């Protein structure tokens, strides 16, 4: 069954949809939709590259946590999300799609779930924040990481990888901060 689910996720990726979730371009919910959103769970990304390893994905999620904290949000601990993925024997992030957002929010004791993806085209990133009731609060659409997002950093890993933290900060800068 798990193999069939993974095959369906991969097939979806091969047909042009780069994420297990369809992301609408540049959506921002009205201020009243954000009411009550204080705690967010950051899921692992749908990683459609061969260049970015798990060790970097974990670091990016930690960077995202700090950026969300700067915006006034509390975040579910990475270890809780990782444990959930391990308990469910998920091998790719898209497998979490068998759960709806309200089930995930309840499981992580959060008000919203942050889904994201990294694609191999240049690379590109996309983010989607959904409230526990399914309301789409914020979505970036697909963002190409151009020179405005990436600072070249030397190292043994992919050249794009060095600028990902800067890109995360630039992209998440546009997400509204927590409202009292």
Protein backbone atom coordinates (compact mmCIF):
# COMPACT_ATOMS: atom_id res chain seq x y z
CA UNK A 1 0.00 0.00 0.00
CA UNK A 2 2.80 2.42 0.93
CA UNK A 3 4.55 1.64 -2.38
CA UNK A 4 1.35 2.45 -4.27
CA UNK A 5 1.00 5.76 -2.40
CA UNK A 6 4.63 6.68 -3.12
CA UNK A 7 4.13 5.79 -6.80
CA UNK A 8 1.06 8.04 -6.97
CA UNK A 9 3.00 10.89 -5.39
CA UNK A 10 5.86 10.43 -7.84
CA UNK A 11 3.44 10.20 -10.75
CA UNK A 12 1.85 13.47 -9.66
CA UNK A 13 5.30 15.05 -9.63
CA UNK A 14 6.01 13.78 -13.15
CA UNK A 15 2.87 15.39 -14.55
CA UNK A 16 4.02 18.89 -13.73
CA UNK A 17 2.69 19.30 -10.19
CA UNK A 18 5.84 19.67 -8.12
CA UNK A 19 4.16 19.20 -4.77
CA UNK A 20 1.65 16.82 -3.29
CA UNK A 21 -0.45 19.92 -2.58
CA UNK A 22 -1.61 22.27 -5.31
CA UNK A 23 -0.36 25.72 -4.42
CA UNK A 24 -2.13 28.82 -5.62
CA UNK A 25 0.05 31.77 -6.58
CA UNK A 26 0.55 34.52 -4.02
CA UNK A 27 -2.45 34.15 -1.72
CA UNK A 28 -2.81 36.05 1.53
CA UNK A 29 -5.84 35.56 3.69
CA UNK A 30 -7.65 38.55 5.17
CA UNK A 31 -6.64 39.69 8.68
CA UNK A 32 -9.69 38.07 10.29
CA UNK A 33 -8.66 34.65 8.88
CA UNK A 34 -5.39 34.88 10.82
CA UNK A 35 -7.21 35.28 14.16
CA UNK A 36 -6.11 32.63 16.64
CA UNK A 37 -3.01 31.55 14.70
CA UNK A 38 -0.24 31.49 17.29
CA UNK A 39 1.50 28.13 16.80
CA UNK A 40 2.68 26.59 13.52
CA UNK A 41 4.10 23.18 12.57
CA UNK A 42 6.74 23.22 9.82
CA UNK A 43 6.62 20.01 7.83
CA UNK A 44 9.58 18.66 5.87
CA UNK A 45 9.48 19.92 2.28
CA UNK A 46 8.57 18.06 -0.83
CA UNK A 47 12.15 17.92 -2.10
CA UNK A 48 12.14 17.52 -5.88
CA UNK A 49 15.91 17.94 -6.19
CA UNK A 50 18.76 15.50 -6.06
CA UNK A 51 21.14 18.16 -4.77
CA UNK A 52 19.76 18.89 -1.32
CA UNK A 53 20.34 16.22 1.29
CA UNK A 54 18.38 15.50 4.46
CA UNK A 55 21.06 17.15 6.61
CA UNK A 56 20.44 20.46 4.84
CA UNK A 57 16.64 20.08 4.89
CA UNK A 58 16.79 19.74 8.67
CA UNK A 59 18.91 22.88 8.89
CA UNK A 60 16.49 24.79 6.61
CA UNK A 61 13.57 23.78 8.83
CA UNK A 62 15.45 25.11 11.87
CA UNK A 63 16.05 28.38 9.98
CA UNK A 64 12.33 28.56 9.16
CA UNK A 65 11.52 28.01 12.85
CA UNK A 66 13.66 30.99 13.83
CA UNK A 67 12.17 33.18 11.11
CA UNK A 68 8.66 32.29 12.32
CA UNK A 69 9.64 33.04 15.92
CA UNK A 70 10.88 36.47 14.79
CA UNK A 71 7.39 37.05 13.39
CA UNK A 72 5.89 36.25 16.80
CA UNK A 73 4.77 32.66 16.22
CA UNK A 74 5.45 29.63 18.37
CA UNK A 75 6.44 26.49 16.49
CA UNK A 76 5.98 22.79 17.08
CA UNK A 77 9.36 21.19 17.88
CA UNK A 78 11.14 19.60 14.93
CA UNK A 79 11.54 16.41 16.95
CA UNK A 80 7.75 16.03 17.27
CA UNK A 81 7.24 16.36 13.52
CA UNK A 82 10.18 14.04 12.80
CA UNK A 83 8.85 11.46 15.27
CA UNK A 84 5.42 11.57 13.58
CA UNK A 85 7.03 10.95 10.18
CA UNK A 86 9.11 8.09 11.56
CA UNK A 87 6.12 6.50 13.35
CA UNK A 88 4.17 6.60 10.09
CA UNK A 89 7.20 5.23 8.18
CA UNK A 90 7.00 8.11 5.70
CA UNK A 91 9.95 8.20 3.33
CA UNK A 92 8.92 11.31 1.36
CA UNK A 93 7.18 14.40 2.67
CA UNK A 94 4.25 14.07 0.30
CA UNK A 95 3.05 10.97 2.13
CA UNK A 96 1.71 13.23 4.88
CA UNK A 97 -1.06 14.04 2.39
CA UNK A 98 -3.01 11.06 3.71
CA UNK A 99 -3.79 13.28 6.70
CA UNK A 100 -5.88 16.41 6.35
CA UNK A 101 -4.72 19.68 7.85
CA UNK A 102 -7.09 19.45 10.86
CA UNK A 103 -5.72 16.01 11.79
CA UNK A 104 -2.14 17.27 11.54
CA UNK A 105 -2.93 20.42 13.53
CA UNK A 106 -4.50 18.34 16.28
CA UNK A 107 -1.57 15.91 16.30
CA UNK A 108 1.01 18.71 16.65
CA UNK A 109 -1.17 20.92 18.87
CA UNK A 110 -0.88 23.83 16.44
CA UNK A 111 -3.15 26.36 14.78
CA UNK A 112 -1.67 26.05 11.28
CA UNK A 113 0.57 23.86 9.13
CA UNK A 114 3.35 25.20 6.91
CA UNK A 115 3.82 23.09 3.80
CA UNK A 116 6.70 23.83 1.44
CA UNK A 117 8.57 22.41 -1.52
CA UNK A 118 11.90 22.79 -3.27
CA UNK A 119 11.94 22.03 -6.98
CA UNK A 120 14.92 21.39 -9.18
CA UNK A 121 14.18 24.10 -11.73
CA UNK A 122 16.85 26.70 -10.88
CA UNK A 123 15.93 25.86 -7.87
CA UNK A 124 12.49 27.14 -6.98
CA UNK A 125 10.60 27.11 -3.68
CA UNK A 126 6.96 27.38 -2.71
CA UNK A 127 5.19 27.75 0.64
CA UNK A 128 1.62 27.28 1.79
CA UNK A 129 0.27 28.00 5.28
CA UNK A 130 -3.08 26.43 6.12
CA UNK A 131 -5.13 27.03 9.22
CA UNK A 132 -6.39 23.97 11.12
CA UNK A 133 -9.88 24.49 9.66
CA UNK A 134 -8.46 24.27 6.11
CA UNK A 135 -8.40 28.01 5.41
CA UNK A 136 -5.50 28.96 3.15
CA UNK A 137 -3.77 31.80 4.99
CA UNK A 138 -0.68 32.44 2.90
CA UNK A 139 0.85 30.99 -0.21
CA UNK A 140 3.83 32.12 -2.26
CA UNK A 141 3.28 30.23 -5.47
CA UNK A 142 6.50 29.06 -7.06
CA UNK A 143 9.39 31.45 -6.36
CA UNK A 144 12.51 31.29 -8.52
CA UNK A 145 15.65 31.81 -6.50
CA UNK A 146 17.42 34.49 -8.48
CA UNK A 147 20.31 36.73 -7.52
CA UNK A 148 18.03 38.77 -5.27
CA UNK A 149 17.46 35.69 -3.10
CA UNK A 150 20.78 33.87 -3.20
CA UNK A 151 24.13 34.92 -1.79
CA UNK A 152 26.94 32.82 -3.25
CA UNK A 153 28.67 30.79 -0.56
CA UNK A 154 31.60 28.47 -1.19
CA UNK A 155 31.53 24.94 0.07
CA UNK A 156 31.51 21.30 -0.84
CA UNK A 157 27.76 21.19 -1.47
CA UNK A 158 25.72 22.45 -4.39
CA UNK A 159 26.26 26.14 -5.19
CA UNK A 160 22.51 26.84 -4.86
CA UNK A 161 22.45 25.34 -1.39
CA UNK A 162 24.64 28.04 0.12
CA UNK A 163 22.03 30.71 -0.48
CA UNK A 164 18.96 28.80 0.63
CA UNK A 165 18.85 30.32 4.14
CA UNK A 166 18.95 33.80 2.62
CA UNK A 167 16.18 32.78 0.22
CA UNK A 168 14.06 31.43 3.09
CA UNK A 169 14.42 34.72 4.93
CA UNK A 170 13.51 36.77 1.87
CA UNK A 171 10.48 34.65 1.06
CA UNK A 172 9.17 34.42 4.63
CA UNK A 173 9.69 38.17 5.07
CA UNK A 174 6.46 38.55 3.10
CA UNK A 175 4.45 36.36 5.47
CA UNK A 176 2.38 38.41 7.92
CA UNK A 177 3.51 38.43 11.53
CA UNK A 178 1.39 37.18 14.40
CA UNK A 179 -1.51 39.38 15.30
CA UNK A 180 -2.38 39.76 18.96
